[in-house]
PDB file of N, CA and C in Angstrom:
ATOM      1  N   UNK A   1      -5.003  -8.491  23.690  1.00  0.00           N
ATOM      2  CA  UNK A   1      -4.839  -9.475  23.109  1.00  0.00           C
ATOM      3  C   UNK A   1      -4.554  -8.942  21.757  1.00  0.00           C
ATOM      4  N   UNK A   2      -3.318  -8.643  21.260  1.00  0.00           N
ATOM      5  CA  UNK A   2      -2.751  -8.579  20.310  1.00  0.00           C
ATOM      6  C   UNK A   2      -3.447  -9.266  18.493  1.00  0.00           C
ATOM      7  N   UNK A   3      -3.416  -8.522  17.435  1.00  0.00           N
ATOM      8  CA  UNK A   3      -4.215  -8.898  16.578  1.00  0.00           C
ATOM      9  C   UNK A   3      -3.062  -8.712  15.521  1.00  0.00           C
ATOM     10  N   UNK A   4      -3.378  -9.822  14.251  1.00  0.00           N
ATOM     11  CA  UNK A   4      -2.285  -9.683  12.902  1.00  0.00           C
ATOM     12  C   UNK A   4      -3.679  -9.608  12.006  1.00  0.00           C
ATOM     13  N   UNK A   5      -2.642  -8.157  11.359  1.00  0.00           N
ATOM     14  CA  UNK A   5      -3.253  -7.446  10.232  1.00  0.00           C
ATOM     15  C   UNK A   5      -2.049  -7.678   8.663  1.00  0.00           C
ATOM     16  N   UNK A   6      -2.712  -7.492   7.412  1.00  0.00           N
ATOM     17  CA  UNK A   6      -1.827  -7.330   7.064  1.00  0.00           C
ATOM     18  C   UNK A   6      -1.699  -6.218   5.352  1.00  0.00           C
ATOM     19  N   UNK A   7      -0.190  -5.876   5.577  1.00  0.00           N
ATOM     20  CA  UNK A   7      -0.293  -4.628   5.126  1.00  0.00           C
ATOM     21  C   UNK A   7       0.112  -4.664   4.046  1.00  0.00           C
ATOM     22  N   UNK A   8      -0.806  -3.899   2.415  1.00  0.00           N
ATOM     23  CA  UNK A   8      -0.467  -4.233   1.285  1.00  0.00           C
ATOM     24  C   UNK A   8       0.079  -2.389   0.317  1.00  0.00           C
ATOM     25  N   UNK A   9       1.183  -2.705  -0.373  1.00  0.00           N
ATOM     26  CA  UNK A   9       1.416  -1.113  -0.608  1.00  0.00           C
ATOM     27  C   UNK A   9       1.591  -1.241  -1.853  1.00  0.00           C
ATOM     28  N   UNK A  10       0.686  -0.073  -2.585  1.00  0.00           N
ATOM     29  CA  UNK A  10       0.872  -0.405  -3.613  1.00  0.00           C
ATOM     30  C   UNK A  10       1.301   1.891  -4.583  1.00  0.00           C
ATOM     31  N   UNK A  11       2.379   1.695  -5.228  1.00  0.00           N
ATOM     32  CA  UNK A  11       3.206   2.850  -5.678  1.00  0.00           C
ATOM     33  C   UNK A  11       3.179   3.259  -7.254  1.00  0.00           C
ATOM     34  N   UNK A  12       2.020   4.732  -7.058  1.00  0.00           N
ATOM     35  CA  UNK A  12       2.128   4.723  -8.405  1.00  0.00           C
ATOM     36  C   UNK A  12       2.202   6.259  -8.616  1.00  0.00           C
ATOM     37  N   UNK A  13       2.327   6.648 -10.146  1.00  0.00           N
ATOM     38  CA  UNK A  13       2.350   8.555 -10.222  1.00  0.00           C
ATOM     39  C   UNK A  13       1.340   8.592 -11.071  1.00  0.00           C
ATOM     40  N   UNK A  14       1.156   9.796 -10.455  1.00  0.00           N
ATOM     41  CA  UNK A  14      -0.312  10.666 -11.005  1.00  0.00           C
ATOM     42  C   UNK A  14      -1.695  10.044 -10.813  1.00  0.00           C
ATOM     43  N   UNK A  15      -2.566  10.632 -11.737  1.00  0.00           N
ATOM     44  CA  UNK A  15      -3.787  10.095 -11.436  1.00  0.00           C
ATOM     45  C   UNK A  15      -4.807   9.307 -12.188  1.00  0.00           C
ATOM     46  N   UNK A  16      -3.860   8.889 -13.154  1.00  0.00           N
ATOM     47  CA  UNK A  16      -3.432   7.601 -14.195  1.00  0.00           C
ATOM     48  C   UNK A  16      -3.329   6.341 -13.799  1.00  0.00           C
ATOM     49  N   UNK A  17      -2.957   6.289 -12.652  1.00  0.00           N
ATOM     50  CA  UNK A  17      -2.165   5.293 -11.801  1.00  0.00           C
ATOM     51  C   UNK A  17      -1.111   4.175 -12.379  1.00  0.00           C
ATOM     52  N   UNK A  18       0.231   5.351 -12.266  1.00  0.00           N
ATOM     53  CA  UNK A  18       0.668   4.346 -13.041  1.00  0.00           C
ATOM     54  C   UNK A  18       1.774   3.748 -12.656  1.00  0.00           C
ATOM     55  N   UNK A  19       1.845   1.956 -12.472  1.00  0.00           N
ATOM     56  CA  UNK A  19       3.041   1.541 -11.170  1.00  0.00           C
ATOM     57  C   UNK A  19       4.258   2.033 -11.417  1.00  0.00           C
ATOM     58  N   UNK A  20       5.191   2.320 -10.668  1.00  0.00           N
ATOM     59  CA  UNK A  20       6.748   2.940 -10.191  1.00  0.00           C
ATOM     60  C   UNK A  20       7.201   1.566  -9.592  1.00  0.00           C
ATOM     61  N   UNK A  21       8.041   1.249 -10.598  1.00  0.00           N
ATOM     62  CA  UNK A  21       9.061   0.553 -10.142  1.00  0.00           C
ATOM     63  C   UNK A  21      10.177   0.885  -9.640  1.00  0.00           C
ATOM     64  N   UNK A  22      10.958   0.125  -8.514  1.00  0.00           N
ATOM     65  CA  UNK A  22      12.001   0.801  -7.903  1.00  0.00           C
ATOM     66  C   UNK A  22      11.766   1.822  -6.620  1.00  0.00           C
ATOM     67  N   UNK A  23      10.787   2.467  -6.565  1.00  0.00           N
ATOM     68  CA  UNK A  23      10.082   3.177  -5.405  1.00  0.00           C
ATOM     69  C   UNK A  23      10.873   2.387  -3.953  1.00  0.00           C
ATOM     70  N   UNK A  24      11.378   2.816  -3.121  1.00  0.00           N
ATOM     71  CA  UNK A  24      11.665   2.388  -2.072  1.00  0.00           C
ATOM     72  C   UNK A  24      10.634   2.704  -0.739  1.00  0.00           C
ATOM     73  N   UNK A  25      10.804   1.679  -0.256  1.00  0.00           N
ATOM     74  CA  UNK A  25       8.836   2.083   0.974  1.00  0.00           C
ATOM     75  C   UNK A  25       9.076   1.476   1.791  1.00  0.00           C
ATOM     76  N   UNK A  26       9.857   2.942   2.997  1.00  0.00           N
ATOM     77  CA  UNK A  26       9.697   2.085   4.845  1.00  0.00           C
ATOM     78  C   UNK A  26       8.536   2.010   5.110  1.00  0.00           C
ATOM     79  N   UNK A  27       8.360   0.588   6.375  1.00  0.00           N
ATOM     80  CA  UNK A  27       7.255   0.704   6.938  1.00  0.00           C
ATOM     81  C   UNK A  27       7.854   0.714   8.147  1.00  0.00           C
ATOM     82  N   UNK A  28       7.422   1.568   9.672  1.00  0.00           N
ATOM     83  CA  UNK A  28       7.467   1.930  10.818  1.00  0.00           C
ATOM     84  C   UNK A  28       6.411   1.776  11.738  1.00  0.00           C
ATOM     85  N   UNK A  29       6.607   1.386  12.988  1.00  0.00           N
ATOM     86  CA  UNK A  29       5.615   1.390  13.355  1.00  0.00           C
ATOM     87  C   UNK A  29       6.084   2.193  15.374  1.00  0.00           C
ATOM     88  N   UNK A  30       5.065   2.970  15.661  1.00  0.00           N
ATOM     89  CA  UNK A  30       5.715   3.877  16.942  1.00  0.00           C
ATOM     90  C   UNK A  30       6.243   3.045  18.175  1.00  0.00           C
ATOM     91  N   UNK A  31       7.455   2.843  18.418  1.00  0.00           N
ATOM     92  CA  UNK A  31       7.843   2.247  19.657  1.00  0.00           C
ATOM     93  C   UNK A  31       7.627   2.565  20.640  1.00  0.00           C
ATOM     94  N   UNK A  32       8.582   2.310  21.945  1.00  0.00           N
ATOM     95  CA  UNK A  32       8.933   2.519  23.210  1.00  0.00           C
ATOM     96  C   UNK A  32       9.862   3.683  22.990  1.00  0.00           C
ATOM     97  N   UNK A  33       9.348   4.616  24.197  1.00  0.00           N
ATOM     98  CA  UNK A  33       9.911   5.500  24.544  1.00  0.00           C
ATOM     99  C   UNK A  33      10.814   7.005  23.612  1.00  0.00           C
ATOM    100  N   UNK A  34       9.397   6.979  22.517  1.00  0.00           N
ATOM    101  CA  UNK A  34       9.420   8.104  21.670  1.00  0.00           C
ATOM    102  C   UNK A  34      10.644   7.233  20.165  1.00  0.00           C
ATOM    103  N   UNK A  35      10.409   6.096  19.913  1.00  0.00           N
ATOM    104  CA  UNK A  35      11.669   5.934  19.028  1.00  0.00           C
ATOM    105  C   UNK A  35      10.657   5.180  17.409  1.00  0.00           C
ATOM    106  N   UNK A  36      11.476   4.645  16.484  1.00  0.00           N
ATOM    107  CA  UNK A  36       9.998   4.305  15.475  1.00  0.00           C
ATOM    108  C   UNK A  36      10.523   2.380  15.740  1.00  0.00           C
ATOM    109  N   UNK A  37      10.526   1.516  15.164  1.00  0.00           N
ATOM    110  CA  UNK A  37      10.753   0.308  15.091  1.00  0.00           C
ATOM    111  C   UNK A  37      10.834   0.044  13.461  1.00  0.00           C
ATOM    112  N   UNK A  38      11.435   0.216  12.884  1.00  0.00           N
ATOM    113  CA  UNK A  38      11.381  -0.797  11.275  1.00  0.00           C
ATOM    114  C   UNK A  38      10.555  -2.029  11.721  1.00  0.00           C
ATOM    115  N   UNK A  39       9.596  -1.855  10.576  1.00  0.00           N
ATOM    116  CA  UNK A  39       9.416  -2.841  10.108  1.00  0.00           C
ATOM    117  C   UNK A  39       9.420  -3.977   8.945  1.00  0.00           C
ATOM    118  N   UNK A  40       9.720  -2.998   8.170  1.00  0.00           N
ATOM    119  CA  UNK A  40      10.038  -3.029   6.611  1.00  0.00           C
ATOM    120  C   UNK A  40      11.404  -2.083   5.782  1.00  0.00           C
ATOM    121  N   UNK A  41      11.838  -2.678   4.885  1.00  0.00           N
ATOM    122  CA  UNK A  41      12.656  -2.040   3.368  1.00  0.00           C
ATOM    123  C   UNK A  41      12.523  -2.787   2.451  1.00  0.00           C
ATOM    124  N   UNK A  42      11.364  -1.932   1.618  1.00  0.00           N
ATOM    125  CA  UNK A  42      11.395  -3.118   0.101  1.00  0.00           C
ATOM    126  C   UNK A  42      11.493  -2.103  -0.978  1.00  0.00           C
ATOM    127  N   UNK A  43      11.745  -2.515  -2.240  1.00  0.00           N
ATOM    128  CA  UNK A  43      11.644  -1.459  -3.703  1.00  0.00           C
ATOM    129  C   UNK A  43      10.121  -2.410  -4.345  1.00  0.00           C
ATOM    130  N   UNK A  44      10.021  -1.569  -5.174  1.00  0.00           N
ATOM    131  CA  UNK A  44       8.556  -1.661  -5.721  1.00  0.00           C
ATOM    132  C   UNK A  44       9.041  -2.829  -6.826  1.00  0.00           C
ATOM    133  N   UNK A  45       7.790  -3.767  -6.910  1.00  0.00           N
ATOM    134  CA  UNK A  45       8.484  -3.931  -8.126  1.00  0.00           C
ATOM    135  C   UNK A  45       7.693  -3.715  -9.731  1.00  0.00           C
ATOM    136  N   UNK A  46       7.717  -3.969 -10.736  1.00  0.00           N
ATOM    137  CA  UNK A  46       7.222  -4.067 -12.042  1.00  0.00           C
ATOM    138  C   UNK A  46       5.898  -3.274 -12.512  1.00  0.00           C
ATOM    139  N   UNK A  47       4.898  -3.957 -10.741  1.00  0.00           N
ATOM    140  CA  UNK A  47       3.573  -3.468 -10.543  1.00  0.00           C
ATOM    141  C   UNK A  47       3.655  -2.369  -9.567  1.00  0.00           C
ATOM    142  N   UNK A  48       4.451  -2.216  -9.211  1.00  0.00           N
ATOM    143  CA  UNK A  48       4.675  -0.947  -8.173  1.00  0.00           C
ATOM    144  C   UNK A  48       4.413  -1.654  -6.412  1.00  0.00           C
ATOM    145  N   UNK A  49       4.367  -2.794  -6.707  1.00  0.00           N
ATOM    146  CA  UNK A  49       3.889  -3.285  -5.371  1.00  0.00           C
ATOM    147  C   UNK A  49       4.909  -3.646  -4.443  1.00  0.00           C
ATOM    148  N   UNK A  50       5.013  -3.641  -2.955  1.00  0.00           N
ATOM    149  CA  UNK A  50       6.487  -4.697  -2.157  1.00  0.00           C
ATOM    150  C   UNK A  50       5.323  -5.552  -1.907  1.00  0.00           C
ATOM    151  N   UNK A  51       6.541  -6.592  -1.070  1.00  0.00           N
ATOM    152  CA  UNK A  51       5.747  -8.475  -0.453  1.00  0.00           C
ATOM    153  C   UNK A  51       4.758  -7.806   0.463  1.00  0.00           C
ATOM    154  N   UNK A  52       3.293  -8.589   1.047  1.00  0.00           N
ATOM    155  CA  UNK A  52       2.575  -7.549   2.473  1.00  0.00           C
ATOM    156  C   UNK A  52       3.259  -8.214   3.082  1.00  0.00           C
ATOM    157  N   UNK A  53       3.128  -6.959   4.267  1.00  0.00           N
ATOM    158  CA  UNK A  53       3.671  -7.283   5.391  1.00  0.00           C
ATOM    159  C   UNK A  53       2.620  -7.734   6.246  1.00  0.00           C
ATOM    160  N   UNK A  54       3.554  -8.548   7.469  1.00  0.00           N
ATOM    161  CA  UNK A  54       2.449  -8.680   8.706  1.00  0.00           C
ATOM    162  C   UNK A  54       2.378  -8.273   9.824  1.00  0.00           C
ATOM    163  N   UNK A  55       1.701  -7.075  10.479  1.00  0.00           N
ATOM    164  CA  UNK A  55       2.098  -6.321  11.525  1.00  0.00           C
ATOM    165  C   UNK A  55       0.970  -6.748  12.816  1.00  0.00           C
ATOM    166  N   UNK A  56       1.354  -6.264  13.589  1.00  0.00           N
ATOM    167  CA  UNK A  56       0.529  -6.151  14.787  1.00  0.00           C
ATOM    168  C   UNK A  56      -0.598  -5.233  14.743  1.00  0.00           C
ATOM    169  N   UNK A  57      -2.381  -5.714  15.433  1.00  0.00           N
ATOM    170  CA  UNK A  57      -2.922  -4.695  14.903  1.00  0.00           C
ATOM    171  C   UNK A  57      -3.362  -3.961  16.358  1.00  0.00           C
ATOM    172  N   UNK A  58      -4.152  -3.194  16.954  1.00  0.00           N
ATOM    173  CA  UNK A  58      -4.722  -3.210  17.947  1.00  0.00           C
ATOM    174  C   UNK A  58      -5.568  -4.219  18.182  1.00  0.00           C
ATOM    175  N   UNK A  59      -6.108  -4.272  19.468  1.00  0.00           N
ATOM    176  CA  UNK A  59      -7.021  -4.906  20.072  1.00  0.00           C
ATOM    177  C   UNK A  59      -8.444  -4.250  18.997  1.00  0.00           C
ATOM    178  N   UNK A  60      -9.791  -4.884  18.947  1.00  0.00           N
ATOM    179  CA  UNK A  60     -10.395  -4.537  18.279  1.00  0.00           C
ATOM    180  C   UNK A  60     -11.053  -3.335  18.545  1.00  0.00           C
ATOM    181  N   UNK A  61     -11.437  -3.151  20.402  1.00  0.00           N
ATOM    182  CA  UNK A  61     -12.247  -2.771  20.547  1.00  0.00           C
ATOM    183  C   UNK A  61     -10.989  -1.045  21.120  1.00  0.00           C
ATOM    184  N   UNK A  62     -10.170  -1.023  21.084  1.00  0.00           N
ATOM    185  CA  UNK A  62      -9.487   0.063  20.347  1.00  0.00           C
ATOM    186  C   UNK A  62      -8.553   1.167  19.213  1.00  0.00           C
ATOM    187  N   UNK A  63      -9.350   0.010  18.383  1.00  0.00           N
ATOM    188  CA  UNK A  63      -9.119   0.451  16.939  1.00  0.00           C
ATOM    189  C   UNK A  63     -10.278   1.794  16.634  1.00  0.00           C
ATOM    190  N   UNK A  64     -10.172   2.296  15.900  1.00  0.00           N
ATOM    191  CA  UNK A  64     -11.332   3.935  15.364  1.00  0.00           C
ATOM    192  C   UNK A  64     -11.164   3.331  13.724  1.00  0.00           C
TER     193      UNK A  64
END
């Protein structure tokens, strides 16, 4: 049974963790026949964040 998870992404610079606005974030998942499935393309906001993404996750017994 497939489950759903939430992916949150934050982009920042240096160890000072300064948010990076306008960075392009591409989220993809392995698809069929060694191809990638595009899930999201977003730019970060002023806090370095993108909108959360709902993604399919493996069954708990198959996760590591």
